[in-house]
Amino acid sequence: MTGFLTILTTTATEADAEGLAEALLAEGLAACVQIAAIRSRYVWQGEVKREAEQLLLIKTREALFEPVRAKIRTLHPYDTPEIVALPITAGDVDYLGWLGAATRA
């Protein structure tokens, strides 16, 4: 195990995605946040929804999951935002070294 995660969340707007990314980076909670426009299909309150969203891929330390989760919950406009962590089980040593150096210990 490397001790690093990619955390996924989505937002409805690019502005929300940018604000969340900037907050995570400014506080040292993420080394990198990638933002991509996506089309989402999901069930919400018994109805199938079709929405354009922004997907955030947040690269961080495993130990920072809770502070990242808390920051997303604080800033996110959704009632139930997606907050899913995927472990990084292997990676380039230089990249992982940078990821560690760019996030708070």
C-alpha atoms as a PDB file:
ATOM      1  CA  MET A   1       0.000   0.000   0.000  1.00  0.00           C
ATOM      2  CA  THR A   2       1.267   3.460  -0.883  1.00  0.00           C
ATOM      3  CA  GLY A   3      -0.702   5.557   1.621  1.00  0.00           C
ATOM      4  CA  PHE A   4      -2.268   7.685  -1.112  1.00  0.00           C
ATOM      5  CA  LEU A   5      -5.808   8.019  -2.476  1.00  0.00           C
ATOM      6  CA  THR A   6      -7.760   9.425  -5.367  1.00  0.00           C
ATOM      7  CA  ILE A   7     -11.011  10.851  -4.049  1.00  0.00           C
ATOM      8  CA  LEU A   8     -13.871  11.366  -6.484  1.00  0.00           C
ATOM      9  CA  THR A   9     -16.638  13.922  -6.208  1.00  0.00           C
ATOM     10  CA  THR A  10     -18.884  15.712  -8.673  1.00  0.00           C
ATOM     11  CA  THR A  11     -20.363  19.196  -8.841  1.00  0.00           C
ATOM     12  CA  ALA A  12     -23.105  20.741 -10.926  1.00  0.00           C
ATOM     13  CA  THR A  13     -21.033  23.673 -12.125  1.00  0.00           C
ATOM     14  CA  GLU A  14     -17.498  24.445 -13.168  1.00  0.00           C
ATOM     15  CA  ALA A  15     -17.427  27.316 -10.659  1.00  0.00           C
ATOM     16  CA  ASP A  16     -18.260  24.939  -7.791  1.00  0.00           C
ATOM     17  CA  ALA A  17     -15.569  22.524  -8.980  1.00  0.00           C
ATOM     18  CA  GLU A  18     -12.968  25.285  -9.232  1.00  0.00           C
ATOM     19  CA  GLY A  19     -13.827  26.639  -5.783  1.00  0.00           C
ATOM     20  CA  LEU A  20     -13.574  23.236  -4.180  1.00  0.00           C
ATOM     21  CA  ALA A  21     -10.299  22.454  -5.943  1.00  0.00           C
ATOM     22  CA  GLU A  22      -8.755  25.781  -4.918  1.00  0.00           C
ATOM     23  CA  ALA A  23      -9.777  25.282  -1.275  1.00  0.00           C
ATOM     24  CA  LEU A  24      -8.304  21.770  -1.116  1.00  0.00           C
ATOM     25  CA  LEU A  25      -5.045  22.894  -2.729  1.00  0.00           C
ATOM     26  CA  ALA A  26      -4.718  26.036  -0.591  1.00  0.00           C
ATOM     27  CA  GLU A  27      -5.052  24.015   2.629  1.00  0.00           C
ATOM     28  CA  GLY A  28      -2.580  21.328   1.551  1.00  0.00           C
ATOM     29  CA  LEU A  29      -5.343  18.710   1.514  1.00  0.00           C
ATOM     30  CA  ALA A  30      -4.623  17.767  -2.106  1.00  0.00           C
ATOM     31  CA  ALA A  31      -1.578  17.767  -4.341  1.00  0.00           C
ATOM     32  CA  CYS A  32      -3.627  17.795  -7.530  1.00  0.00           C
ATOM     33  CA  VAL A  33      -7.287  18.124  -8.480  1.00  0.00           C
ATOM     34  CA  GLN A  34      -8.264  17.245 -12.022  1.00  0.00           C
ATOM     35  CA  ILE A  35     -11.612  18.515 -13.284  1.00  0.00           C
ATOM     36  CA  ALA A  36     -13.435  17.006 -16.246  1.00  0.00           C
ATOM     37  CA  ALA A  37     -16.867  17.658 -17.736  1.00  0.00           C
ATOM     38  CA  ILE A  38     -19.022  14.511 -17.653  1.00  0.00           C
ATOM     39  CA  ARG A  39     -22.599  13.395 -18.295  1.00  0.00           C
ATOM     40  CA  SER A  40     -24.134  11.668 -15.280  1.00  0.00           C
ATOM     41  CA  ARG A  41     -27.089   9.328 -15.098  1.00  0.00           C
ATOM     42  CA  TYR A  42     -28.308   8.417 -11.627  1.00  0.00           C
ATOM     43  CA  VAL A  43     -31.354   7.659  -9.508  1.00  0.00           C
ATOM     44  CA  TRP A  44     -32.314  10.395  -7.055  1.00  0.00           C
ATOM     45  CA  GLN A  45     -35.502  10.290  -4.968  1.00  0.00           C
ATOM     46  CA  GLY A  46     -36.954   7.563  -7.165  1.00  0.00           C
ATOM     47  CA  GLU A  47     -36.342   9.324 -10.478  1.00  0.00           C
ATOM     48  CA  VAL A  48     -33.683   8.794 -13.119  1.00  0.00           C
ATOM     49  CA  LYS A  49     -31.738  12.032 -13.533  1.00  0.00           C
ATOM     50  CA  ARG A  50     -29.612  13.118 -16.480  1.00  0.00           C
ATOM     51  CA  GLU A  51     -27.220  15.944 -15.681  1.00  0.00           C
ATOM     52  CA  ALA A  52     -24.050  17.547 -16.909  1.00  0.00           C
ATOM     53  CA  GLU A  53     -21.557  17.576 -14.038  1.00  0.00           C
ATOM     54  CA  GLN A  54     -17.921  18.233 -13.283  1.00  0.00           C
ATOM     55  CA  LEU A  55     -15.889  15.266 -12.009  1.00  0.00           C
ATOM     56  CA  LEU A  56     -13.093  16.053  -9.574  1.00  0.00           C
ATOM     57  CA  LEU A  57     -10.220  13.578  -9.148  1.00  0.00           C
ATOM     58  CA  ILE A  58      -8.506  14.607  -5.923  1.00  0.00           C
ATOM     59  CA  LYS A  59      -5.006  13.188  -5.290  1.00  0.00           C
ATOM     60  CA  THR A  60      -4.130  13.102  -1.593  1.00  0.00           C
ATOM     61  CA  ARG A  61      -2.720  11.150   1.329  1.00  0.00           C
ATOM     62  CA  GLU A  62      -4.794   8.366   2.848  1.00  0.00           C
ATOM     63  CA  ALA A  63      -4.393  10.079   6.237  1.00  0.00           C
ATOM     64  CA  LEU A  64      -6.116  13.198   4.856  1.00  0.00           C
ATOM     65  CA  PHE A  65      -9.345  11.464   3.822  1.00  0.00           C
ATOM     66  CA  GLU A  66     -11.378  12.797   6.765  1.00  0.00           C
ATOM     67  CA  PRO A  67     -10.268  16.439   6.387  1.00  0.00           C
ATOM     68  CA  VAL A  68     -10.912  16.241   2.627  1.00  0.00           C
ATOM     69  CA  ARG A  69     -14.335  14.661   3.240  1.00  0.00           C
ATOM     70  CA  ALA A  70     -15.174  17.369   5.779  1.00  0.00           C
ATOM     71  CA  LYS A  71     -14.092  20.171   3.410  1.00  0.00           C
ATOM     72  CA  ILE A  72     -16.187  18.705   0.576  1.00  0.00           C
ATOM     73  CA  ARG A  73     -19.226  18.447   2.885  1.00  0.00           C
ATOM     74  CA  THR A  74     -18.718  22.037   4.065  1.00  0.00           C
ATOM     75  CA  LEU A  75     -18.389  23.596   0.597  1.00  0.00           C
ATOM     76  CA  HIS A  76     -20.539  21.308  -1.540  1.00  0.00           C
ATOM     77  CA  PRO A  77     -24.022  22.487  -2.546  1.00  0.00           C
ATOM     78  CA  TYR A  78     -25.448  18.940  -2.952  1.00  0.00           C
ATOM     79  CA  ASP A  79     -27.390  17.357  -0.074  1.00  0.00           C
ATOM     80  CA  THR A  80     -25.541  14.078  -0.622  1.00  0.00           C
ATOM     81  CA  PRO A  81     -22.317  14.655  -2.553  1.00  0.00           C
ATOM     82  CA  GLU A  82     -20.370  11.768  -3.982  1.00  0.00           C
ATOM     83  CA  ILE A  83     -17.273  11.249  -1.841  1.00  0.00           C
ATOM     84  CA  VAL A  84     -15.551   8.022  -2.867  1.00  0.00           C
ATOM     85  CA  ALA A  85     -11.933   7.144  -2.141  1.00  0.00           C
ATOM     86  CA  LEU A  86      -9.946   4.810  -4.375  1.00  0.00           C
ATOM     87  CA  PRO A  87      -6.615   3.577  -3.021  1.00  0.00           C
ATOM     88  CA  ILE A  88      -3.527   4.142  -5.112  1.00  0.00           C
ATOM     89  CA  THR A  89      -1.950   0.702  -4.823  1.00  0.00           C
ATOM     90  CA  ALA A  90       1.092   1.415  -6.974  1.00  0.00           C
ATOM     91  CA  GLY A  91       2.615   4.356  -8.806  1.00  0.00           C
ATOM     92  CA  ASP A  92       5.744   5.959 -10.123  1.00  0.00           C
ATOM     93  CA  VAL A  93       8.095   6.643  -7.214  1.00  0.00           C
ATOM     94  CA  ASP A  94       8.814  10.211  -8.355  1.00  0.00           C
ATOM     95  CA  TYR A  95       5.112  11.020  -8.746  1.00  0.00           C
ATOM     96  CA  LEU A  96       4.243   9.564  -5.358  1.00  0.00           C
ATOM     97  CA  GLY A  97       7.144  11.455  -3.798  1.00  0.00           C
ATOM     98  CA  TRP A  98       5.788  14.692  -5.253  1.00  0.00           C
ATOM     99  CA  LEU A  99       2.269  13.835  -4.063  1.00  0.00           C
ATOM    100  CA  GLY A 100       3.579  13.358  -0.538  1.00  0.00           C
ATOM    101  CA  ALA A 101       5.630  16.547  -0.606  1.00  0.00           C
ATOM    102  CA  ALA A 102       2.728  18.624  -1.957  1.00  0.00           C
ATOM    103  CA  THR A 103       0.252  17.622   0.782  1.00  0.00           C
ATOM    104  CA  ARG A 104       0.402  18.307   4.470  1.00  0.00           C
ATOM    105  CA  ALA A 105       1.719  15.496   6.636  1.00  0.00           C
END
